[in-house]
C-alpha atoms as a PDB file:
ATOM      1  CA  MET A   1      88.623  68.790 100.841  1.00  0.00           C
ATOM      2  CA  LEU A   2      87.664  66.680 103.860  1.00  0.00           C
ATOM      3  CA  VAL A   3      84.409  68.573 104.297  1.00  0.00           C
ATOM      4  CA  SER A   4      83.545  68.240 100.594  1.00  0.00           C
ATOM      5  CA  ALA A   5      84.322  64.518 100.695  1.00  0.00           C
ATOM      6  CA  GLY A   6      82.091  64.040 103.745  1.00  0.00           C
ATOM      7  CA  LEU A   7      79.218  65.994 102.161  1.00  0.00           C
ATOM      8  CA  ALA A   8      79.559  64.100  98.887  1.00  0.00           C
ATOM      9  CA  ALA A   9      79.470  60.723 100.625  1.00  0.00           C
ATOM     10  CA  ALA A  10      76.463  61.721 102.739  1.00  0.00           C
ATOM     11  CA  LYS A  11      74.461  63.155  99.835  1.00  0.00           C
ATOM     12  CA  ILE A  12      75.158  60.279  97.467  1.00  0.00           C
ATOM     13  CA  ALA A  13      74.489  57.580 100.076  1.00  0.00           C
ATOM     14  CA  ILE A  14      71.327  59.187 101.465  1.00  0.00           C
ATOM     15  CA  GLY A  15      70.156  60.244  97.997  1.00  0.00           C
ATOM     16  CA  LEU A  16      70.452  56.710  96.649  1.00  0.00           C
ATOM     17  CA  HIS A  17      68.714  55.231  99.679  1.00  0.00           C
ATOM     18  CA  ALA A  18      65.961  57.864  99.533  1.00  0.00           C
ATOM     19  CA  GLN A  19      65.736  57.604  95.701  1.00  0.00           C
ATOM     20  CA  SER A  20      66.315  61.343  95.240  1.00  0.00           C
ATOM     21  CA  THR A  21      67.978  62.260  91.941  1.00  0.00           C
ATOM     22  CA  ALA A  22      68.485  65.876  93.012  1.00  0.00           C
ATOM     23  CA  THR A  23      70.320  64.869  96.195  1.00  0.00           C
ATOM     24  CA  VAL A  24      72.541  62.395  94.340  1.00  0.00           C
ATOM     25  CA  SER A  25      73.310  65.010  91.651  1.00  0.00           C
ATOM     26  CA  ASP A  26      74.337  67.500  94.297  1.00  0.00           C
ATOM     27  CA  GLY A  27      76.491  64.809  95.879  1.00  0.00           C
ATOM     28  CA  VAL A  28      78.266  64.157  92.586  1.00  0.00           C
ATOM     29  CA  GLU A  29      78.955  67.881  92.305  1.00  0.00           C
ATOM     30  CA  SER A  30      80.425  67.858  95.827  1.00  0.00           C
ATOM     31  CA  ALA A  31      82.617  64.904  94.867  1.00  0.00           C
ATOM     32  CA  GLY A  32      84.010  67.046  92.061  1.00  0.00           C
ATOM     33  CA  ASP A  33      84.807  69.683  94.682  1.00  0.00           C
ATOM     34  CA  VAL A  34      87.338  67.345  96.263  1.00  0.00           C
ATOM     35  CA  LEU A  35      89.302  67.117  93.030  1.00  0.00           C
ATOM     36  CA  ALA A  36      88.884  70.839  92.333  1.00  0.00           C
ATOM     37  CA  SER A  37      90.191  71.822  95.772  1.00  0.00           C
ATOM     38  CA  GLY A  38      93.047  69.354  95.347  1.00  0.00           C
ATOM     39  CA  LEU A  39      94.057  71.063  92.099  1.00  0.00           C
ATOM     40  CA  VAL A  40      93.951  74.466  93.785  1.00  0.00           C
ATOM     41  CA  LEU A  41      96.011  73.192  96.719  1.00  0.00           C
ATOM     42  CA  LEU A  42      98.639  71.762  94.352  1.00  0.00           C
ATOM     43  CA  GLY A  43      98.728  75.038  92.429  1.00  0.00           C
ATOM     44  CA  LEU A  44      99.209  77.082  95.612  1.00  0.00           C
ATOM     45  CA  ILE A  45     102.009  74.837  96.854  1.00  0.00           C
ATOM     46  CA  ILE A  46     103.946  75.022  93.594  1.00  0.00           C
ATOM     47  CA  ALA A  47     103.223  78.741  93.120  1.00  0.00           C
ATOM     48  CA  ALA A  48     104.872  79.435  96.489  1.00  0.00           C
ATOM     49  CA  LYS A  49     108.225  78.104  95.233  1.00  0.00           C
ATOM     50  CA  PRO A  50     110.821  80.872  94.717  1.00  0.00           C
ATOM     51  CA  PRO A  51     112.062  81.837  91.228  1.00  0.00           C
ATOM     52  CA  ASP A  52     114.889  79.803  89.708  1.00  0.00           C
ATOM     53  CA  LEU A  53     117.010  79.913  86.556  1.00  0.00           C
ATOM     54  CA  GLU A  54     114.324  78.301  84.403  1.00  0.00           C
ATOM     55  CA  HIS A  55     111.458  80.286  85.958  1.00  0.00           C
ATOM     56  CA  PRO A  56     112.776  83.819  86.679  1.00  0.00           C
ATOM     57  CA  TYR A  57     109.223  85.105  87.221  1.00  0.00           C
ATOM     58  CA  GLY A  58     108.456  82.352  89.717  1.00  0.00           C
ATOM     59  CA  HIS A  59     106.016  79.454  89.453  1.00  0.00           C
ATOM     60  CA  GLY A  60     102.838  81.450  89.968  1.00  0.00           C
ATOM     61  CA  ARG A  61     101.305  80.682  86.577  1.00  0.00           C
ATOM     62  CA  LEU A  62     100.605  77.136  87.744  1.00  0.00           C
ATOM     63  CA  GLU A  63      98.244  78.587  90.344  1.00  0.00           C
ATOM     64  CA  THR A  64      96.314  80.286  87.526  1.00  0.00           C
ATOM     65  CA  LEU A  65      96.367  77.059  85.522  1.00  0.00           C
ATOM     66  CA  SER A  66      94.871  75.233  88.499  1.00  0.00           C
ATOM     67  CA  ALA A  67      91.979  77.709  88.443  1.00  0.00           C
ATOM     68  CA  LEU A  68      91.524  77.017  84.726  1.00  0.00           C
ATOM     69  CA  ALA A  69      91.459  73.280  85.452  1.00  0.00           C
ATOM     70  CA  VAL A  70      88.783  73.861  88.124  1.00  0.00           C
ATOM     71  CA  GLY A  71      86.639  75.714  85.594  1.00  0.00           C
ATOM     72  CA  MET A  72      86.973  72.950  83.000  1.00  0.00           C
ATOM     73  CA  LEU A  73      86.173  70.351  85.647  1.00  0.00           C
ATOM     74  CA  LEU A  74      83.034  72.272  86.608  1.00  0.00           C
ATOM     75  CA  VAL A  75      81.851  72.371  82.990  1.00  0.00           C
ATOM     76  CA  ALA A  76      82.401  68.631  82.532  1.00  0.00           C
ATOM     77  CA  THR A  77      80.710  67.796  85.837  1.00  0.00           C
ATOM     78  CA  GLY A  78      77.743  70.033  85.065  1.00  0.00           C
ATOM     79  CA  VAL A  79      77.179  68.490  81.645  1.00  0.00           C
ATOM     80  CA  LEU A  80      77.289  64.981  83.154  1.00  0.00           C
ATOM     81  CA  ILE A  81      74.842  65.853  85.944  1.00  0.00           C
ATOM     82  CA  ALA A  82      72.388  67.595  83.604  1.00  0.00           C
ATOM     83  CA  PHE A  83      72.464  64.770  81.061  1.00  0.00           C
ATOM     84  CA  GLU A  84      71.980  61.995  83.583  1.00  0.00           C
ATOM     85  CA  SER A  85      69.185  63.848  85.407  1.00  0.00           C
ATOM     86  CA  LEU A  86      67.295  64.529  82.165  1.00  0.00           C
ATOM     87  CA  HIS A  87      67.751  60.913  81.182  1.00  0.00           C
ATOM     88  CA  LEU A  88      66.009  59.841  84.386  1.00  0.00           C
ATOM     89  CA  THR A  89      63.154  62.345  84.023  1.00  0.00           C
ATOM     90  CA  HIS A  90      61.039  59.928  82.000  1.00  0.00           C
ATOM     91  CA  ASP A  91      61.539  57.038  84.417  1.00  0.00           C
ATOM     92  CA  PHE A  92      58.651  56.313  86.760  1.00  0.00           C
ATOM     93  CA  SER A  93      59.655  55.473  90.304  1.00  0.00           C
ATOM     94  CA  PRO A  94      58.272  56.023  93.815  1.00  0.00           C
ATOM     95  CA  PRO A  95      58.684  59.539  95.264  1.00  0.00           C
ATOM     96  CA  PRO A  96      61.878  60.102  97.279  1.00  0.00           C
ATOM     97  CA  ALA A  97      61.942  59.880 101.056  1.00  0.00           C
ATOM     98  CA  ALA A  98      61.671  63.100 103.056  1.00  0.00           C
ATOM     99  CA  TYR A  99      64.963  62.624 104.911  1.00  0.00           C
ATOM    100  CA  ALA A 100      66.849  63.331 101.656  1.00  0.00           C
ATOM    101  CA  VAL A 101      66.458  67.051 102.437  1.00  0.00           C
ATOM    102  CA  TRP A 102      68.800  66.974 105.448  1.00  0.00           C
ATOM    103  CA  PRO A 103      72.134  66.547 103.642  1.00  0.00           C
ATOM    104  CA  LEU A 104      71.079  69.313 101.248  1.00  0.00           C
ATOM    105  CA  ILE A 105      70.332  71.708 104.094  1.00  0.00           C
ATOM    106  CA  ALA A 106      73.610  70.815 105.817  1.00  0.00           C
ATOM    107  CA  SER A 107      75.488  71.370 102.559  1.00  0.00           C
ATOM    108  CA  ILE A 108      73.982  74.845 102.037  1.00  0.00           C
ATOM    109  CA  VAL A 109      74.965  75.964 105.545  1.00  0.00           C
ATOM    110  CA  ILE A 110      78.490  74.512 105.481  1.00  0.00           C
ATOM    111  CA  LYS A 111      79.280  75.676 101.954  1.00  0.00           C
ATOM    112  CA  SER A 112      78.126  79.202 102.796  1.00  0.00           C
ATOM    113  CA  ILE A 113      80.776  79.350 105.523  1.00  0.00           C
ATOM    114  CA  MET A 114      83.466  77.823 103.300  1.00  0.00           C
ATOM    115  CA  SER A 115      82.678  80.106 100.361  1.00  0.00           C
ATOM    116  CA  ALA A 116      82.898  83.244 102.505  1.00  0.00           C
ATOM    117  CA  ALA A 117      86.243  82.135 103.955  1.00  0.00           C
ATOM    118  CA  LYS A 118      87.742  81.345 100.541  1.00  0.00           C
ATOM    119  CA  TRP A 119      86.512  84.622  99.072  1.00  0.00           C
ATOM    120  CA  ARG A 120      88.110  86.516 101.944  1.00  0.00           C
ATOM    121  CA  TYR A 121      91.500  84.832 101.791  1.00  0.00           C
ATOM    122  CA  GLY A 122      91.495  84.533  97.991  1.00  0.00           C
ATOM    123  CA  ARG A 123      91.109  88.281  97.593  1.00  0.00           C
ATOM    124  CA  ARG A 124      93.618  88.980 100.349  1.00  0.00           C
ATOM    125  CA  ILE A 125      96.422  86.990  98.673  1.00  0.00           C
ATOM    126  CA  GLN A 126      95.218  87.662  95.077  1.00  0.00           C
ATOM    127  CA  SER A 127      94.809  83.922  94.375  1.00  0.00           C
ATOM    128  CA  SER A 128      92.792  83.183  91.238  1.00  0.00           C
ATOM    129  CA  GLY A 129      92.795  79.495  92.198  1.00  0.00           C
ATOM    130  CA  LEU A 130      91.324  80.099  95.634  1.00  0.00           C
ATOM    131  CA  ILE A 131      88.767  82.535  94.204  1.00  0.00           C
ATOM    132  CA  ALA A 132      87.805  79.897  91.622  1.00  0.00           C
ATOM    133  CA  ASP A 133      87.311  77.431  94.460  1.00  0.00           C
ATOM    134  CA  ALA A 134      85.181  80.023  96.264  1.00  0.00           C
ATOM    135  CA  TRP A 135      83.025  80.224  93.123  1.00  0.00           C
ATOM    136  CA  ASN A 136      82.885  76.448  93.259  1.00  0.00           C
ATOM    137  CA  ASP A 137      81.477  76.602  96.785  1.00  0.00           C
ATOM    138  CA  THR A 138      79.078  79.359  95.758  1.00  0.00           C
ATOM    139  CA  VAL A 139      77.623  77.159  93.054  1.00  0.00           C
ATOM    140  CA  ASP A 140      77.260  74.418  95.685  1.00  0.00           C
ATOM    141  CA  ILE A 141      74.956  76.763  97.582  1.00  0.00           C
ATOM    142  CA  LEU A 142      72.921  77.464  94.432  1.00  0.00           C
ATOM    143  CA  SER A 143      72.870  73.845  93.361  1.00  0.00           C
ATOM    144  CA  GLY A 144      71.924  72.708  96.856  1.00  0.00           C
ATOM    145  CA  ALA A 145      69.059  75.221  96.971  1.00  0.00           C
ATOM    146  CA  THR A 146      67.911  74.160  93.500  1.00  0.00           C
ATOM    147  CA  ALA A 147      68.011  70.494  94.451  1.00  0.00           C
ATOM    148  CA  LEU A 148      66.151  71.282  97.680  1.00  0.00           C
ATOM    149  CA  ILE A 149      63.389  73.095  95.767  1.00  0.00           C
ATOM    150  CA  GLY A 150      63.004  70.237  93.305  1.00  0.00           C
ATOM    151  CA  LEU A 151      62.942  67.647  96.055  1.00  0.00           C
ATOM    152  CA  GLY A 152      60.554  69.769  98.133  1.00  0.00           C
ATOM    153  CA  LEU A 153      58.054  70.081  95.283  1.00  0.00           C
ATOM    154  CA  THR A 154      58.091  66.332  94.755  1.00  0.00           C
ATOM    155  CA  LEU A 155      57.532  65.700  98.459  1.00  0.00           C
ATOM    156  CA  LEU A 156      54.810  68.355  98.608  1.00  0.00           C
ATOM    157  CA  ASP A 157      52.709  66.879  95.788  1.00  0.00           C
ATOM    158  CA  PRO A 158      54.148  63.637  94.366  1.00  0.00           C
ATOM    159  CA  ALA A 159      51.302  63.232  91.871  1.00  0.00           C
ATOM    160  CA  ARG A 160      51.635  66.705  90.387  1.00  0.00           C
ATOM    161  CA  PHE A 161      55.392  67.238  90.696  1.00  0.00           C
ATOM    162  CA  SER A 162      56.677  63.716  90.221  1.00  0.00           C
ATOM    163  CA  ALA A 163      59.484  64.849  87.899  1.00  0.00           C
ATOM    164  CA  ALA A 164      60.476  67.951  89.906  1.00  0.00           C
ATOM    165  CA  ASP A 165      63.199  66.107  91.800  1.00  0.00           C
ATOM    166  CA  ARG A 166      64.879  64.978  88.568  1.00  0.00           C
ATOM    167  CA  ILE A 167      64.405  68.365  86.897  1.00  0.00           C
ATOM    168  CA  GLY A 168      66.018  69.918  89.969  1.00  0.00           C
ATOM    169  CA  GLY A 169      68.986  67.618  89.477  1.00  0.00           C
ATOM    170  CA  SER A 170      69.267  68.728  85.856  1.00  0.00           C
ATOM    171  CA  ALA A 171      69.070  72.392  86.884  1.00  0.00           C
ATOM    172  CA  VAL A 172      71.982  71.766  89.242  1.00  0.00           C
ATOM    173  CA  GLY A 173      74.021  70.621  86.249  1.00  0.00           C
ATOM    174  CA  VAL A 174      73.140  73.715  84.225  1.00  0.00           C
ATOM    175  CA  ILE A 175      74.176  76.015  87.080  1.00  0.00           C
ATOM    176  CA  VAL A 176      77.505  74.195  87.388  1.00  0.00           C
ATOM    177  CA  VAL A 177      78.161  74.527  83.639  1.00  0.00           C
ATOM    178  CA  PHE A 178      77.581  78.286  83.629  1.00  0.00           C
ATOM    179  CA  LEU A 179      79.826  78.795  86.642  1.00  0.00           C
ATOM    180  CA  GLY A 180      82.543  76.682  85.048  1.00  0.00           C
ATOM    181  CA  ILE A 181      82.398  78.806  81.896  1.00  0.00           C
ATOM    182  CA  ARG A 182      82.810  81.957  83.989  1.00  0.00           C
ATOM    183  CA  VAL A 183      85.836  80.566  85.825  1.00  0.00           C
ATOM    184  CA  VAL A 184      87.432  79.474  82.530  1.00  0.00           C
ATOM    185  CA  ARG A 185      86.848  82.931  81.036  1.00  0.00           C
ATOM    186  CA  ASP A 186      88.319  84.781  84.030  1.00  0.00           C
ATOM    187  CA  THR A 187      91.436  82.622  84.227  1.00  0.00           C
ATOM    188  CA  ALA A 188      91.945  82.697  80.456  1.00  0.00           C
ATOM    189  CA  MET A 189      91.984  86.505  80.631  1.00  0.00           C
ATOM    190  CA  LEU A 190      94.746  86.330  83.244  1.00  0.00           C
ATOM    191  CA  LEU A 191      96.779  83.936  81.087  1.00  0.00           C
ATOM    192  CA  MET A 192      96.447  86.471  78.243  1.00  0.00           C
ATOM    193  CA  ASP A 193      98.167  89.085  80.474  1.00  0.00           C
ATOM    194  CA  THR A 194      95.069  91.228  80.871  1.00  0.00           C
ATOM    195  CA  MET A 195      95.845  94.500  82.652  1.00  0.00           C
ATOM    196  CA  PRO A 196      94.472  95.150  86.162  1.00  0.00           C
ATOM    197  CA  ALA A 197      91.763  97.737  86.790  1.00  0.00           C
ATOM    198  CA  PRO A 198      92.578 101.384  85.848  1.00  0.00           C
ATOM    199  CA  GLU A 199      92.428 102.332  89.523  1.00  0.00           C
ATOM    200  CA  ALA A 200      95.209  99.868  90.276  1.00  0.00           C
ATOM    201  CA  MET A 201      97.412 101.237  87.488  1.00  0.00           C
ATOM    202  CA  TYR A 202      96.744 104.800  88.682  1.00  0.00           C
ATOM    203  CA  ARG A 203      97.936 103.779  92.146  1.00  0.00           C
ATOM    204  CA  ILE A 204     101.227 102.505  90.706  1.00  0.00           C
ATOM    205  CA  ARG A 205     101.768 105.741  88.777  1.00  0.00           C
ATOM    206  CA  GLN A 206     101.055 107.897  91.811  1.00  0.00           C
ATOM    207  CA  VAL A 207     103.525 105.992  93.991  1.00  0.00           C
ATOM    208  CA  GLY A 208     106.217 106.206  91.314  1.00  0.00           C
ATOM    209  CA  LEU A 209     105.681 109.921  90.675  1.00  0.00           C
ATOM    210  CA  ALA A 210     106.103 110.640  94.390  1.00  0.00           C
ATOM    211  CA  VAL A 211     109.817 109.732  94.218  1.00  0.00           C
ATOM    212  CA  PRO A 212     112.067 112.863  94.030  1.00  0.00           C
ATOM    213  CA  GLY A 213     113.688 113.233  90.620  1.00  0.00           C
ATOM    214  CA  VAL A 214     110.884 111.551  88.670  1.00  0.00           C
ATOM    215  CA  LEU A 215     109.608 113.954  85.985  1.00  0.00           C
ATOM    216  CA  GLY A 216     107.012 111.641  84.499  1.00  0.00           C
ATOM    217  CA  ILE A 217     105.911 108.080  83.812  1.00  0.00           C
ATOM    218  CA  GLU A 218     105.335 107.476  80.123  1.00  0.00           C
ATOM    219  CA  LYS A 219     104.272 103.848  79.886  1.00  0.00           C
ATOM    220  CA  CYS A 220     103.074 101.540  82.625  1.00  0.00           C
ATOM    221  CA  PHE A 221     102.018  97.931  82.102  1.00  0.00           C
ATOM    222  CA  ALA A 222     101.276  95.057  84.486  1.00  0.00           C
ATOM    223  CA  ARG A 223     100.671  91.341  84.125  1.00  0.00           C
ATOM    224  CA  LYS A 224      99.763  88.767  86.718  1.00  0.00           C
ATOM    225  CA  THR A 225     102.008  85.800  87.438  1.00  0.00           C
ATOM    226  CA  GLY A 226     100.360  83.636  90.059  1.00  0.00           C
ATOM    227  CA  LEU A 227      99.534  85.498  93.238  1.00  0.00           C
ATOM    228  CA  LYS A 228     101.127  88.852  92.341  1.00  0.00           C
ATOM    229  CA  TRP A 229     101.718  91.249  89.468  1.00  0.00           C
ATOM    230  CA  HIS A 230     104.858  92.224  87.549  1.00  0.00           C
ATOM    231  CA  VAL A 231     105.060  95.856  86.415  1.00  0.00           C
ATOM    232  CA  ASP A 232     106.960  97.404  83.477  1.00  0.00           C
ATOM    233  CA  LEU A 233     107.231 101.174  83.350  1.00  0.00           C
ATOM    234  CA  HIS A 234     109.124 103.907  81.467  1.00  0.00           C
ATOM    235  CA  LEU A 235     110.476 106.593  83.765  1.00  0.00           C
ATOM    236  CA  ASP A 236     111.253 110.159  82.631  1.00  0.00           C
ATOM    237  CA  VAL A 237     114.219 111.867  84.336  1.00  0.00           C
ATOM    238  CA  ASP A 238     116.394 114.936  83.757  1.00  0.00           C
ATOM    239  CA  PRO A 239     118.414 114.293  80.543  1.00  0.00           C
ATOM    240  CA  ALA A 240     121.474 116.017  82.066  1.00  0.00           C
ATOM    241  CA  MET A 241     121.532 113.525  84.925  1.00  0.00           C
ATOM    242  CA  THR A 242     124.315 110.952  85.127  1.00  0.00           C
ATOM    243  CA  VAL A 243     123.621 107.307  84.464  1.00  0.00           C
ATOM    244  CA  TYR A 244     124.383 106.548  88.102  1.00  0.00           C
ATOM    245  CA  ASP A 245     121.894 109.120  89.435  1.00  0.00           C
ATOM    246  CA  SER A 246     119.122 107.980  87.069  1.00  0.00           C
ATOM    247  CA  HIS A 247     119.791 104.396  88.132  1.00  0.00           C
ATOM    248  CA  GLU A 248     119.424 105.395  91.784  1.00  0.00           C
ATOM    249  CA  ILE A 249     116.080 107.070  91.061  1.00  0.00           C
ATOM    250  CA  ALA A 250     114.871 103.999  89.184  1.00  0.00           C
ATOM    251  CA  THR A 251     115.886 101.805  92.116  1.00  0.00           C
ATOM    252  CA  ARG A 252     113.986 104.003  94.570  1.00  0.00           C
ATOM    253  CA  VAL A 253     110.891 103.886  92.333  1.00  0.00           C
ATOM    254  CA  ARG A 254     111.100 100.099  92.156  1.00  0.00           C
ATOM    255  CA  GLU A 255     111.465  99.684  95.912  1.00  0.00           C
ATOM    256  CA  LYS A 256     108.786 102.245  96.752  1.00  0.00           C
ATOM    257  CA  ILE A 257     106.209 100.561  94.499  1.00  0.00           C
ATOM    258  CA  ARG A 258     107.062  97.117  95.854  1.00  0.00           C
ATOM    259  CA  THR A 259     106.772  98.392  99.432  1.00  0.00           C
ATOM    260  CA  GLU A 260     103.593 100.450  99.162  1.00  0.00           C
ATOM    261  CA  VAL A 261     101.664  98.335  96.632  1.00  0.00           C
ATOM    262  CA  ASP A 262     101.594  94.912  98.271  1.00  0.00           C
ATOM    263  CA  TRP A 263     100.189  93.077  95.260  1.00  0.00           C
ATOM    264  CA  VAL A 264     103.211  93.948  93.092  1.00  0.00           C
ATOM    265  CA  ALA A 265     105.971  91.330  93.035  1.00  0.00           C
ATOM    266  CA  ASP A 266     108.568  93.256  91.022  1.00  0.00           C
ATOM    267  CA  VAL A 267     109.018  96.328  88.812  1.00  0.00           C
ATOM    268  CA  LEU A 268     111.136  96.592  85.676  1.00  0.00           C
ATOM    269  CA  VAL A 269     112.070 100.255  85.159  1.00  0.00           C
ATOM    270  CA  HIS A 270     113.252 101.724  81.838  1.00  0.00           C
ATOM    271  CA  VAL A 271     114.778 105.200  82.212  1.00  0.00           C
ATOM    272  CA  GLU A 272     114.318 107.836  79.494  1.00  0.00           C
ATOM    273  CA  PRO A 273     115.394 111.504  79.221  1.00  0.00           C
ATOM    274  CA  HIS A 274     112.442 113.778  79.883  1.00  0.00           C
ATOM    275  CA  MET A 275     113.414 116.050  76.977  1.00  0.00           C
ATOM    276  CA  LEU A 276     112.534 113.352  74.399  1.00  0.00           C
ATOM    277  CA  ALA A 277     109.067 112.960  75.878  1.00  0.00           C
ATOM    278  CA  THR A 278     108.583 116.753  75.775  1.00  0.00           C
ATOM    279  CA  ILE A 279     109.704 117.029  72.143  1.00  0.00           C
ATOM    280  CA  SER A 280     107.398 114.209  71.032  1.00  0.00           C
ATOM    281  CA  GLY A 281     104.360 115.814  72.577  1.00  0.00           C
ATOM    282  CA  GLY A 282     104.404 115.020  76.289  1.00  0.00           C
ATOM    283  CA  PRO A 283     104.420 111.790  78.325  1.00  0.00           C
ATOM    284  CA  HIS A 284     101.763 110.199  76.146  1.00  0.00           C
ATOM    285  CA  GLY A 285     103.111 111.370  72.796  1.00  0.00           C
ATOM    286  CA  LYS A 286     105.531 108.496  72.219  1.00  0.00           C
ATOM    287  CA  SER A 287     104.564 105.156  70.791  1.00  0.00           C
END
């Protein structure tokens, strides 16, 4: 947040002084990064709170909601930047000063480092908010490069490319809008309890089937709540087994999955007699 604030201040101040619309537009986008990162930080702090009586699944959904807010903020910021830059395209003013390129170059380098770090840690802790913020930094790289190209064309041939700087600013806005739409779509899918990749579900099944006494896994679902996933599965056991023994097997399955699959927060196990699954046509025959 401090880095984004510093870049925003530098780009806006230098862009205004150098009369570069592209640099100012990129600075406005960086200013939005401060708020976006603040939303992600708030979401991560609250998501880390343990479950309570009112939130038995924890507070992780707020972390996903923070990612959704980042996406919506990106869309709004992009529309504003594109509109204002296009509005200025028809204005005639002196070409921008050459030193306006320096904050753009600095932004591209710094944001590349920040984006890589957020991608790495976001994937490690399965944080949709942090990944959304990494996308935010990625678009900063694209928007900075776009602004730099527009500004560079204007500086190269002011007579021929007089509007390139402003068009570059508008292109920055369009890039931000498309990224925001992607972030909104990805987070909305998580809020709709979209299942993880088939490979991830296969991993859960394999770990569960490795527990002695497990004769099959009929159904297996997962939904993400914040940083981790909650799993529901139907476990087939010997129908002649006592309730106590089947409960012990279910407990071992739950603990084994939680231990060996680090992105799973908890597992709800429903035990069924294996005979019923066999009569109905196998593990996948039941509805």
